[in-house]
Each structure stands twice: as C-alpha cells, then as structure tokens.
C-alpha cells in the first residue's frame, strides 16, 4: 500500500521548459532503464532531462497521486515505477490534437471553466474542453501538463477520492496567473490558432462563440477582433456568418496550420 504523499513544491523552474512529448519520452526511457529492478530514482529522470532533482521527485510524487506511477520507499530513499500509460511512448496518431497547438491561455481557460462549474477541474473535464474538430487531445499528455503546473505551485490536487477521480484546484498564485493571462490583450496568433482548431475545414463557418470560450474571453472582445480582421480582408461576412478569406488562411498558415484541400 502506498502511503499518503504530500508533494513538496519545487521553486526552481527547470521543468517549465520541457515539452510534454520530451517529458513523456523521458519517463518511458527511465522505466526501460529500470527493467532489472522495475523501479528508478528521481535522479535518473532529472539527469535525463537536465532538471533539478527536487522537481523530478515532485513530478513523480504527483503522478503517483494520480495513479500514473507507483512509489516505494527503500533504504536509499524513494524509487518509482511508471504505470502502463507512461511506460511506453505512444505511436504517432494523426487524429490526436498536437500539444503544441494548445495555447497556455487555452489551457488556463479550460482549468478555469471546469473549476467554476464543479469546484474541481478533473483531467478529463479539462481534456474535453481542449478536444476539437481538428483532433481529440491525448489524456495522458494533458495530465502531464497539469502535473507540470502543480510542480510549479500553480495547481494543487483536491481531496482523495481515488486516483482516477482526483481533481485540480488553482492555488492562489495559479488563480492570479490565470486572471492576468486571460485578461491581457489578444494576440492575433492566439485567435488564428483556436479558429484553425475549431474550423479545420475550408467550408466551415468561423465559430466565434467557441473561439471566445477557448480563449477565456467575452464574446464582445472576440467580435471586436473579428471586425478588425473583416476590415483587413482576412474574414468575409456572409449574412450572419463569417468565412475565412484567402488571406485568412495565409494568417492561419503563419501559425503552423495548413489550408485543407479544396
């Protein structure tokens, strides 16, 4: 039986710059290296990612609370074992929405939306918010992004209702970061990204309501942005709907999306 774990928040920021894909690959690598004993120390992961050992230990402890890892005490300290969802790097899947397309603003909007509705933001609820016509998000990748925020002290796990049912709560500094991020001015690249996620087909109308929800902003703010883009020729109004003009697809391509085949 694994004892209750109260993870210590690491105050350094080495983990902050590690992409989710690299983190997941490093966890699978550490588990493969541990095939003789079945467990590995946090320092193995820390060395692999060139991050502080305290962050690696905190990360693995939170993953244990979520049921994605196991943790055991030995005479030399704690050791860990990745569960099956982390022990292997997933195969590439074109139907999965890449984590690189999930903006920090969108992730915080998802957490804020879920917490406002239920008091706790479960990983599944956050993932459902981030799902899009352009692809369903990988649940383990979303969990890793939320765990990274927890290591930074921005999120905390709610009451223990079993690993699969644990929810997230924003800490005081996490709530402040979310507020500042969601209230700041809109960047064009942010809006084009969520429009591409919500309207991946060339013949689909632009859904401003969904874009506003994904960005955690009011309808009025995104409508004002759309008016400017219409005047610039990037969007075209057809009755009460909006369509992307050719230059609008060029703007989307500039943030890494390709125009669908006509």
Protein backbone atom coordinates (compact mmCIF):
# COMPACT_ATOMS: atom_id res chain seq x y z
CA UNK A 1 0.00 0.00 0.00
CA UNK A 2 1.37 3.39 -0.98
CA UNK A 3 1.34 5.92 1.85
CA UNK A 4 -0.30 9.33 1.54
CA UNK A 5 2.07 11.69 -0.25
CA UNK A 6 2.25 15.42 0.32
CA UNK A 7 4.45 16.66 -2.53
CA UNK A 8 6.83 19.47 -1.78
CA UNK A 9 6.57 22.30 -4.32
CA UNK A 10 9.81 22.88 -6.20
CA UNK A 11 10.53 26.58 -6.59
CA UNK A 12 13.04 26.36 -9.42
CA UNK A 13 11.73 26.29 -12.98
CA UNK A 14 13.74 23.68 -14.88
CA UNK A 15 10.67 21.60 -15.75
CA UNK A 16 8.89 24.63 -17.20
CA UNK A 17 10.88 24.46 -20.42
CA UNK A 18 10.46 20.72 -21.07
CA UNK A 19 7.93 19.96 -23.86
CA UNK A 20 5.28 17.40 -22.96
CA UNK A 21 6.44 14.97 -25.64
CA UNK A 22 10.01 15.04 -24.35
CA UNK A 23 8.84 14.57 -20.77
CA UNK A 24 6.72 11.58 -21.71
CA UNK A 25 9.57 10.04 -23.70
CA UNK A 26 11.95 10.54 -20.76
CA UNK A 27 9.55 8.78 -18.38
CA UNK A 28 9.30 5.81 -20.75
CA UNK A 29 13.09 5.80 -21.10
CA UNK A 30 13.57 5.76 -17.31
CA UNK A 31 11.20 2.82 -16.97
CA UNK A 32 13.06 0.89 -19.66
CA UNK A 33 16.33 1.54 -17.87
CA UNK A 34 14.75 0.11 -14.72
CA UNK A 35 13.80 -3.23 -16.27
CA UNK A 36 16.14 -5.16 -13.95
CA UNK A 37 14.67 -3.80 -10.70
CA UNK A 38 11.39 -2.41 -12.01
CA UNK A 39 11.97 0.94 -10.28
CA UNK A 40 14.15 4.01 -10.74
CA UNK A 41 15.18 7.00 -8.60
CA UNK A 42 14.06 10.55 -9.39
CA UNK A 43 17.66 11.49 -10.13
CA UNK A 44 17.64 9.25 -13.22
CA UNK A 45 14.80 11.29 -14.73
CA UNK A 46 16.41 14.54 -13.57
CA UNK A 47 19.68 13.68 -15.28
CA UNK A 48 17.90 12.69 -18.48
CA UNK A 49 16.05 16.00 -18.67
CA UNK A 50 18.80 18.11 -17.10
CA UNK A 51 16.39 19.45 -14.50
CA UNK A 52 16.67 19.82 -10.71
CA UNK A 53 16.22 16.56 -8.82
CA UNK A 54 13.67 18.17 -6.49
CA UNK A 55 11.42 18.92 -9.48
CA UNK A 56 11.75 15.36 -10.79
CA UNK A 57 10.83 13.96 -7.37
CA UNK A 58 7.85 16.31 -7.05
CA UNK A 59 6.69 15.42 -10.56
CA UNK A 60 6.84 11.68 -9.84
CA UNK A 61 5.09 12.12 -6.49
CA UNK A 62 2.16 13.94 -8.12
CA UNK A 63 1.99 11.31 -10.85
CA UNK A 64 1.76 8.75 -8.03
CA UNK A 65 -1.20 10.61 -6.55
CA UNK A 66 -2.90 10.41 -9.95
CA UNK A 67 -2.26 6.67 -10.19
CA UNK A 68 0.07 7.03 -13.19
CA UNK A 69 3.15 5.94 -11.19
CA UNK A 70 3.91 3.82 -8.14
CA UNK A 71 6.27 4.89 -5.37
CA UNK A 72 8.22 2.74 -2.93
CA UNK A 73 10.48 3.54 -0.01
CA UNK A 74 13.87 1.85 0.16
CA UNK A 75 16.85 2.18 2.44
CA UNK A 76 18.37 4.62 -0.04
CA UNK A 77 15.25 6.77 -0.49
CA UNK A 78 12.18 6.74 -2.70
CA UNK A 79 12.04 4.93 -6.04
CA UNK A 80 9.35 5.00 -8.72
CA UNK A 81 7.76 2.83 -11.39
CA UNK A 82 5.73 4.17 -14.30
CA UNK A 83 2.33 2.65 -14.88
CA UNK A 84 1.43 1.22 -18.31
CA UNK A 85 0.18 4.57 -19.66
CA UNK A 86 3.60 6.15 -19.11
CA UNK A 87 5.85 3.13 -19.63
CA UNK A 88 5.62 3.32 -23.42
CA UNK A 89 5.75 6.30 -25.77
CA UNK A 90 2.50 6.35 -27.80
CA UNK A 91 2.63 5.83 -31.54
CA UNK A 92 2.05 8.87 -33.73
CA UNK A 93 -1.66 9.40 -34.36
CA UNK A 94 -2.91 11.98 -36.86
CA UNK A 95 -6.29 12.03 -35.09
CA UNK A 96 -4.70 13.40 -31.89
CA UNK A 97 -4.53 17.16 -31.47
CA UNK A 98 -0.84 18.11 -31.01
CA UNK A 99 0.01 19.59 -27.61
CA UNK A 100 1.89 22.37 -29.40
CA UNK A 101 -1.44 23.76 -30.63
CA UNK A 102 -2.81 24.09 -27.07
CA UNK A 103 -2.02 27.64 -26.03
CA UNK A 104 -1.23 28.45 -22.38
CA UNK A 105 -4.22 30.79 -22.49
CA UNK A 106 -6.45 27.96 -23.73
CA UNK A 107 -5.20 25.55 -21.05
CA UNK A 108 -5.90 28.06 -18.28
CA UNK A 109 -9.32 28.82 -19.77
CA UNK A 110 -10.07 25.08 -19.61
CA UNK A 111 -8.99 24.82 -15.96
CA UNK A 112 -10.90 28.00 -15.02
CA UNK A 113 -14.06 26.84 -16.81
CA UNK A 114 -14.02 23.41 -15.18
CA UNK A 115 -13.29 24.74 -11.70
CA UNK A 116 -16.01 27.39 -11.99
CA UNK A 117 -18.61 24.72 -12.86
CA UNK A 118 -17.71 21.94 -10.44
CA UNK A 119 -15.26 23.36 -7.89
CA UNK A 120 -12.62 20.91 -9.12
CA UNK A 121 -11.09 20.62 -12.57
CA UNK A 122 -10.67 16.95 -13.40
CA UNK A 123 -8.13 15.97 -16.03
CA UNK A 124 -10.92 14.53 -18.16
CA UNK A 125 -13.01 17.71 -17.96
CA UNK A 126 -10.03 19.83 -18.98
CA UNK A 127 -9.29 17.43 -21.85
CA UNK A 128 -12.90 17.57 -23.06
CA UNK A 129 -12.64 21.37 -23.18
CA UNK A 130 -9.49 21.07 -25.32
CA UNK A 131 -10.92 18.47 -27.72
CA UNK A 132 -11.64 19.96 -31.13
CA UNK A 133 -12.77 19.05 -34.63
CA UNK A 134 -9.08 19.22 -35.54
CA UNK A 135 -8.30 16.39 -33.11
CA UNK A 136 -9.01 14.87 -29.71
CA UNK A 137 -6.30 15.55 -27.13
CA UNK A 138 -4.29 12.76 -25.54
CA UNK A 139 -5.46 12.42 -21.93
CA UNK A 140 -2.04 11.42 -20.57
CA UNK A 141 -0.40 14.42 -22.24
CA UNK A 142 -2.99 16.72 -20.67
CA UNK A 143 -2.35 15.12 -17.28
CA UNK A 144 1.38 15.76 -17.68
CA UNK A 145 0.78 19.43 -18.48
CA UNK A 146 -1.39 19.79 -15.39
CA UNK A 147 1.17 17.98 -13.26
CA UNK A 148 3.83 20.39 -14.52
CA UNK A 149 1.67 23.28 -13.32
CA UNK A 150 1.35 21.52 -9.95
CA UNK A 151 5.13 21.19 -9.68
CA UNK A 152 5.34 24.95 -10.20
CA UNK A 153 2.86 25.50 -7.38
CA UNK A 154 0.09 26.79 -9.68
CA UNK A 155 -2.28 23.85 -9.19
CA UNK A 156 -2.99 21.51 -6.28
CA UNK A 157 -4.84 18.22 -6.14
CA UNK A 158 -8.19 18.20 -4.40
CA UNK A 159 -9.49 15.63 -1.88
CA UNK A 160 -8.52 11.99 -2.34
CA UNK A 161 -11.49 10.26 -3.97
CA UNK A 162 -9.36 7.62 -5.63
CA UNK A 163 -6.62 8.33 -8.13
CA UNK A 164 -8.88 8.27 -11.18
CA UNK A 165 -11.29 10.81 -9.62
CA UNK A 166 -8.89 13.36 -8.20
CA UNK A 167 -9.46 16.92 -9.35
CA UNK A 168 -7.34 20.04 -9.62
CA UNK A 169 -7.71 23.35 -7.85
CA UNK A 170 -5.88 26.55 -8.70
CA UNK A 171 -3.59 27.79 -5.95
CA UNK A 172 -3.61 31.48 -5.05
CA UNK A 173 -0.71 32.20 -7.37
CA UNK A 174 -2.22 29.96 -10.04
CA UNK A 175 -5.52 31.85 -9.91
CA UNK A 176 -3.65 35.14 -10.19
CA UNK A 177 -1.64 33.88 -13.16
CA UNK A 178 -4.83 32.70 -14.86
CA UNK A 179 -6.50 36.07 -14.26
CA UNK A 180 -3.59 38.04 -15.69
CA UNK A 181 -3.27 35.73 -18.69
CA UNK A 182 -6.97 35.73 -19.55
CA UNK A 183 -7.39 39.50 -19.10
CA UNK A 184 -4.41 40.63 -21.15
CA UNK A 185 -4.74 41.77 -24.76
CA UNK A 186 -5.40 39.26 -27.52
CA UNK A 187 -2.56 38.25 -29.82
CA UNK A 188 -3.61 37.60 -33.42
CA UNK A 189 -1.72 34.29 -33.39
CA UNK A 190 -3.82 33.09 -30.42
CA UNK A 191 -7.12 33.73 -32.18
CA UNK A 192 -5.98 32.27 -35.51
CA UNK A 193 -4.84 29.13 -33.69
CA UNK A 194 -8.18 28.49 -31.98
CA UNK A 195 -10.08 29.31 -35.18
CA UNK A 196 -8.00 26.71 -37.01
CA UNK A 197 -8.70 24.17 -34.25
CA UNK A 198 -12.43 24.90 -34.37
CA UNK A 199 -12.77 25.27 -38.16
CA UNK A 200 -10.34 22.82 -39.76
CA UNK A 201 -12.35 22.55 -42.98
CA UNK A 202 -12.25 25.28 -45.59
CA UNK A 203 -16.07 25.31 -45.94
CA UNK A 204 -16.91 25.53 -42.23
CA UNK A 205 -18.11 28.85 -40.81
CA UNK A 206 -15.88 30.54 -38.26
CA UNK A 207 -17.30 29.84 -34.79
CA UNK A 208 -16.57 32.96 -32.76
CA UNK A 209 -18.52 31.74 -29.72
CA UNK A 210 -16.30 28.66 -29.42
CA UNK A 211 -13.19 30.76 -30.05
CA UNK A 212 -14.18 33.11 -27.21
CA UNK A 213 -14.76 30.17 -24.85
CA UNK A 214 -11.45 28.56 -25.75
CA UNK A 215 -9.60 31.82 -25.11
CA UNK A 216 -11.46 32.56 -21.87
CA UNK A 217 -12.71 35.93 -23.11
CA UNK A 218 -16.03 37.64 -23.67
CA UNK A 219 -17.95 37.50 -26.94
CA UNK A 220 -17.51 41.27 -27.29
CA UNK A 221 -13.72 41.02 -27.30
CA UNK A 222 -13.56 38.34 -29.99
CA UNK A 223 -16.27 40.09 -32.02
CA UNK A 224 -14.20 43.29 -31.96
CA UNK A 225 -11.20 41.29 -33.17
CA UNK A 226 -13.31 39.77 -35.98
CA UNK A 227 -14.49 43.21 -37.09
CA UNK A 228 -10.88 44.32 -37.50
CA UNK A 229 -9.98 41.19 -39.44
CA UNK A 230 -13.01 41.69 -41.70
CA UNK A 231 -11.89 45.23 -42.48
CA UNK A 232 -8.42 43.85 -43.22
CA UNK A 233 -9.88 41.33 -45.66
CA UNK A 234 -8.95 38.20 -43.65
CA UNK A 235 -12.59 37.30 -42.87
CA UNK A 236 -15.71 37.63 -45.01
CA UNK A 237 -19.25 38.11 -43.72
CA UNK A 238 -21.89 36.02 -45.48
CA UNK A 239 -25.18 37.07 -43.97
CA UNK A 240 -24.81 36.44 -40.24
CA UNK A 241 -21.86 34.07 -40.61
CA UNK A 242 -18.13 34.51 -41.05
CA UNK A 243 -15.88 32.70 -43.52
CA UNK A 244 -12.13 32.70 -43.88
CA UNK A 245 -10.85 34.64 -46.88
CA UNK A 246 -7.71 33.53 -48.73
CA UNK A 247 -5.58 35.92 -46.69
CA UNK A 248 -7.17 34.49 -43.55
CA UNK A 249 -5.83 31.05 -44.44
CA UNK A 250 -2.45 32.70 -45.01
CA UNK A 251 -2.63 34.07 -41.45
CA UNK A 252 -3.50 30.60 -40.13
CA UNK A 253 -0.66 29.05 -42.13
CA UNK A 254 1.71 31.52 -40.47
CA UNK A 255 0.95 29.91 -37.08
CA UNK A 256 1.66 26.41 -38.37
CA UNK A 257 -1.65 25.24 -39.85
CA UNK A 258 -2.21 24.18 -43.45
CA UNK A 259 -5.22 25.04 -45.52
CA UNK A 260 -7.39 21.93 -46.11
CA UNK A 261 -7.57 20.55 -49.64
CA UNK A 262 -10.43 22.08 -51.60
